[in-house]
Amino acid sequence: MVDFARIYSLENGIIQTNTQSRLYQLYDKHVLDRDDYHEIEQAYSFLLQLRFMRQINGILGENIKPDNYINPKKLSKIEQRMLTYISHD
């Protein structure tokens, strides 16, 4: 999603560096329609939330350095289902 936002932002003269800002600008410039924008933004936000929770659990629960790795087997059933849904759309 980050690369998608980068590539289309470069192509459309968008100078924002934040992925969510880029996505909004792509929507604002009618590169993305409303439905696509909302789906991509929600999926991206969900992934950011998973990453953030992983980092918090790593620091507080496992006493390890935070990283961006998310082990799908450690996710709840609903998180796994959401992740599967995101990856197939």
C-alpha atoms as a PDB file:
ATOM      1  CA  MET A   1       0.000   0.000   0.000  1.00  0.00           C
ATOM      2  CA  VAL A   2       2.879   2.327   0.778  1.00  0.00           C
ATOM      3  CA  ASP A   3       4.471   1.706  -2.619  1.00  0.00           C
ATOM      4  CA  PHE A   4       1.092   2.101  -4.330  1.00  0.00           C
ATOM      5  CA  ALA A   5       0.617   5.506  -2.667  1.00  0.00           C
ATOM      6  CA  ARG A   6       4.204   6.544  -3.514  1.00  0.00           C
ATOM      7  CA  ILE A   7       4.017   5.594  -7.177  1.00  0.00           C
ATOM      8  CA  TYR A   8       0.626   7.156  -7.827  1.00  0.00           C
ATOM      9  CA  SER A   9       1.585  10.265  -5.858  1.00  0.00           C
ATOM     10  CA  LEU A  10       4.695  10.744  -7.970  1.00  0.00           C
ATOM     11  CA  GLU A  11       2.644  10.222 -11.101  1.00  0.00           C
ATOM     12  CA  ASN A  12       0.071  12.800  -9.969  1.00  0.00           C
ATOM     13  CA  GLY A  13       2.380  15.484  -8.569  1.00  0.00           C
ATOM     14  CA  ILE A  14       1.502  14.879  -4.914  1.00  0.00           C
ATOM     15  CA  ILE A  15       4.271  16.015  -2.579  1.00  0.00           C
ATOM     16  CA  GLN A  16       3.022  14.636   0.753  1.00  0.00           C
ATOM     17  CA  THR A  17       5.299  12.054   2.358  1.00  0.00           C
ATOM     18  CA  ASN A  18       2.774  10.479   4.747  1.00  0.00           C
ATOM     19  CA  THR A  19       0.983   7.498   3.216  1.00  0.00           C
ATOM     20  CA  GLN A  20      -2.434   8.429   4.588  1.00  0.00           C
ATOM     21  CA  SER A  21      -2.022  11.997   3.325  1.00  0.00           C
ATOM     22  CA  ARG A  22      -0.997  10.665  -0.064  1.00  0.00           C
ATOM     23  CA  LEU A  23      -4.038   8.414  -0.209  1.00  0.00           C
ATOM     24  CA  TYR A  24      -6.325  11.325   0.657  1.00  0.00           C
ATOM     25  CA  GLN A  25      -4.721  13.501  -2.022  1.00  0.00           C
ATOM     26  CA  LEU A  26      -5.205  10.704  -4.562  1.00  0.00           C
ATOM     27  CA  TYR A  27      -8.862  10.669  -3.601  1.00  0.00           C
ATOM     28  CA  ASP A  28      -9.080  14.470  -3.690  1.00  0.00           C
ATOM     29  CA  LYS A  29      -7.601  14.490  -7.211  1.00  0.00           C
ATOM     30  CA  HIS A  30     -10.107  11.793  -8.281  1.00  0.00           C
ATOM     31  CA  VAL A  31      -7.394   9.199  -8.893  1.00  0.00           C
ATOM     32  CA  LEU A  32      -9.193   7.015  -6.337  1.00  0.00           C
ATOM     33  CA  ASP A  33     -12.953   6.939  -6.095  1.00  0.00           C
ATOM     34  CA  ARG A  34     -14.637   7.196  -2.711  1.00  0.00           C
ATOM     35  CA  ASP A  35     -15.095   3.448  -2.220  1.00  0.00           C
ATOM     36  CA  ASP A  36     -11.529   2.562  -3.198  1.00  0.00           C
ATOM     37  CA  TYR A  37     -10.135   5.322  -0.996  1.00  0.00           C
ATOM     38  CA  HIS A  38     -12.123   4.160   2.028  1.00  0.00           C
ATOM     39  CA  GLU A  39     -11.212   0.494   1.528  1.00  0.00           C
ATOM     40  CA  ILE A  40      -7.508   1.196   1.098  1.00  0.00           C
ATOM     41  CA  GLU A  41      -7.418   3.668   3.993  1.00  0.00           C
ATOM     42  CA  GLN A  42      -9.229   1.262   6.339  1.00  0.00           C
ATOM     43  CA  ALA A  43      -6.972  -1.638   5.354  1.00  0.00           C
ATOM     44  CA  TYR A  44      -3.864   0.498   5.841  1.00  0.00           C
ATOM     45  CA  SER A  45      -5.087   1.727   9.226  1.00  0.00           C
ATOM     46  CA  PHE A  46      -5.806  -1.857  10.299  1.00  0.00           C
ATOM     47  CA  LEU A  47      -2.286  -2.940   9.361  1.00  0.00           C
ATOM     48  CA  LEU A  48      -0.795   0.023  11.220  1.00  0.00           C
ATOM     49  CA  GLN A  49      -2.820  -0.923  14.284  1.00  0.00           C
ATOM     50  CA  LEU A  50      -1.583  -4.521  14.112  1.00  0.00           C
ATOM     51  CA  ARG A  51       2.004  -3.320  13.804  1.00  0.00           C
ATOM     52  CA  PHE A  52       1.629  -0.897  16.697  1.00  0.00           C
ATOM     53  CA  MET A  53       0.121  -3.560  18.954  1.00  0.00           C
ATOM     54  CA  ARG A  54       2.924  -5.951  18.008  1.00  0.00           C
ATOM     55  CA  GLN A  55       5.507  -3.343  18.939  1.00  0.00           C
ATOM     56  CA  ILE A  56       3.825  -2.598  22.274  1.00  0.00           C
ATOM     57  CA  ASN A  57       3.570  -6.303  23.114  1.00  0.00           C
ATOM     58  CA  GLY A  58       7.184  -6.784  22.111  1.00  0.00           C
ATOM     59  CA  ILE A  59       8.402  -4.020  24.377  1.00  0.00           C
ATOM     60  CA  LEU A  60       6.153  -4.647  27.372  1.00  0.00           C
ATOM     61  CA  GLY A  61       5.401  -8.351  27.205  1.00  0.00           C
ATOM     62  CA  GLU A  62       8.399  -9.942  25.578  1.00  0.00           C
ATOM     63  CA  ASN A  63      11.087  -7.379  26.414  1.00  0.00           C
ATOM     64  CA  ILE A  64      12.340  -7.338  22.825  1.00  0.00           C
ATOM     65  CA  LYS A  65      13.273  -4.555  20.447  1.00  0.00           C
ATOM     66  CA  PRO A  66      10.236  -3.391  18.446  1.00  0.00           C
ATOM     67  CA  ASP A  67      10.071  -4.450  14.816  1.00  0.00           C
ATOM     68  CA  ASN A  68       7.527  -4.579  12.007  1.00  0.00           C
ATOM     69  CA  TYR A  69       7.101  -8.356  11.878  1.00  0.00           C
ATOM     70  CA  ILE A  70       3.589  -9.636  12.547  1.00  0.00           C
ATOM     71  CA  ASN A  71       3.260 -13.371  13.110  1.00  0.00           C
ATOM     72  CA  PRO A  72      -0.179 -14.264  11.702  1.00  0.00           C
ATOM     73  CA  LYS A  73      -0.368 -17.304  13.996  1.00  0.00           C
ATOM     74  CA  LYS A  74      -0.308 -15.018  17.047  1.00  0.00           C
ATOM     75  CA  LEU A  75      -3.251 -12.941  15.874  1.00  0.00           C
ATOM     76  CA  SER A  76      -6.760 -13.438  17.192  1.00  0.00           C
ATOM     77  CA  LYS A  77      -9.229 -15.294  14.952  1.00  0.00           C
ATOM     78  CA  ILE A  78     -10.933 -12.061  13.949  1.00  0.00           C
ATOM     79  CA  GLU A  79      -7.582 -10.372  13.182  1.00  0.00           C
ATOM     80  CA  GLN A  80      -6.615 -13.361  11.035  1.00  0.00           C
ATOM     81  CA  ARG A  81      -9.941 -13.161   9.242  1.00  0.00           C
ATOM     82  CA  MET A  82      -9.519  -9.423   8.661  1.00  0.00           C
ATOM     83  CA  LEU A  83      -5.994  -9.920   7.375  1.00  0.00           C
ATOM     84  CA  THR A  84      -7.198 -12.628   5.001  1.00  0.00           C
ATOM     85  CA  TYR A  85      -9.996 -10.354   3.808  1.00  0.00           C
ATOM     86  CA  ILE A  86      -7.555  -7.504   3.155  1.00  0.00           C
ATOM     87  CA  SER A  87      -5.111  -9.680   1.244  1.00  0.00           C
ATOM     88  CA  HIS A  88      -7.784 -11.088  -1.071  1.00  0.00           C
ATOM     89  CA  ASP A  89      -9.430  -7.832  -2.097  1.00  0.00           C
END
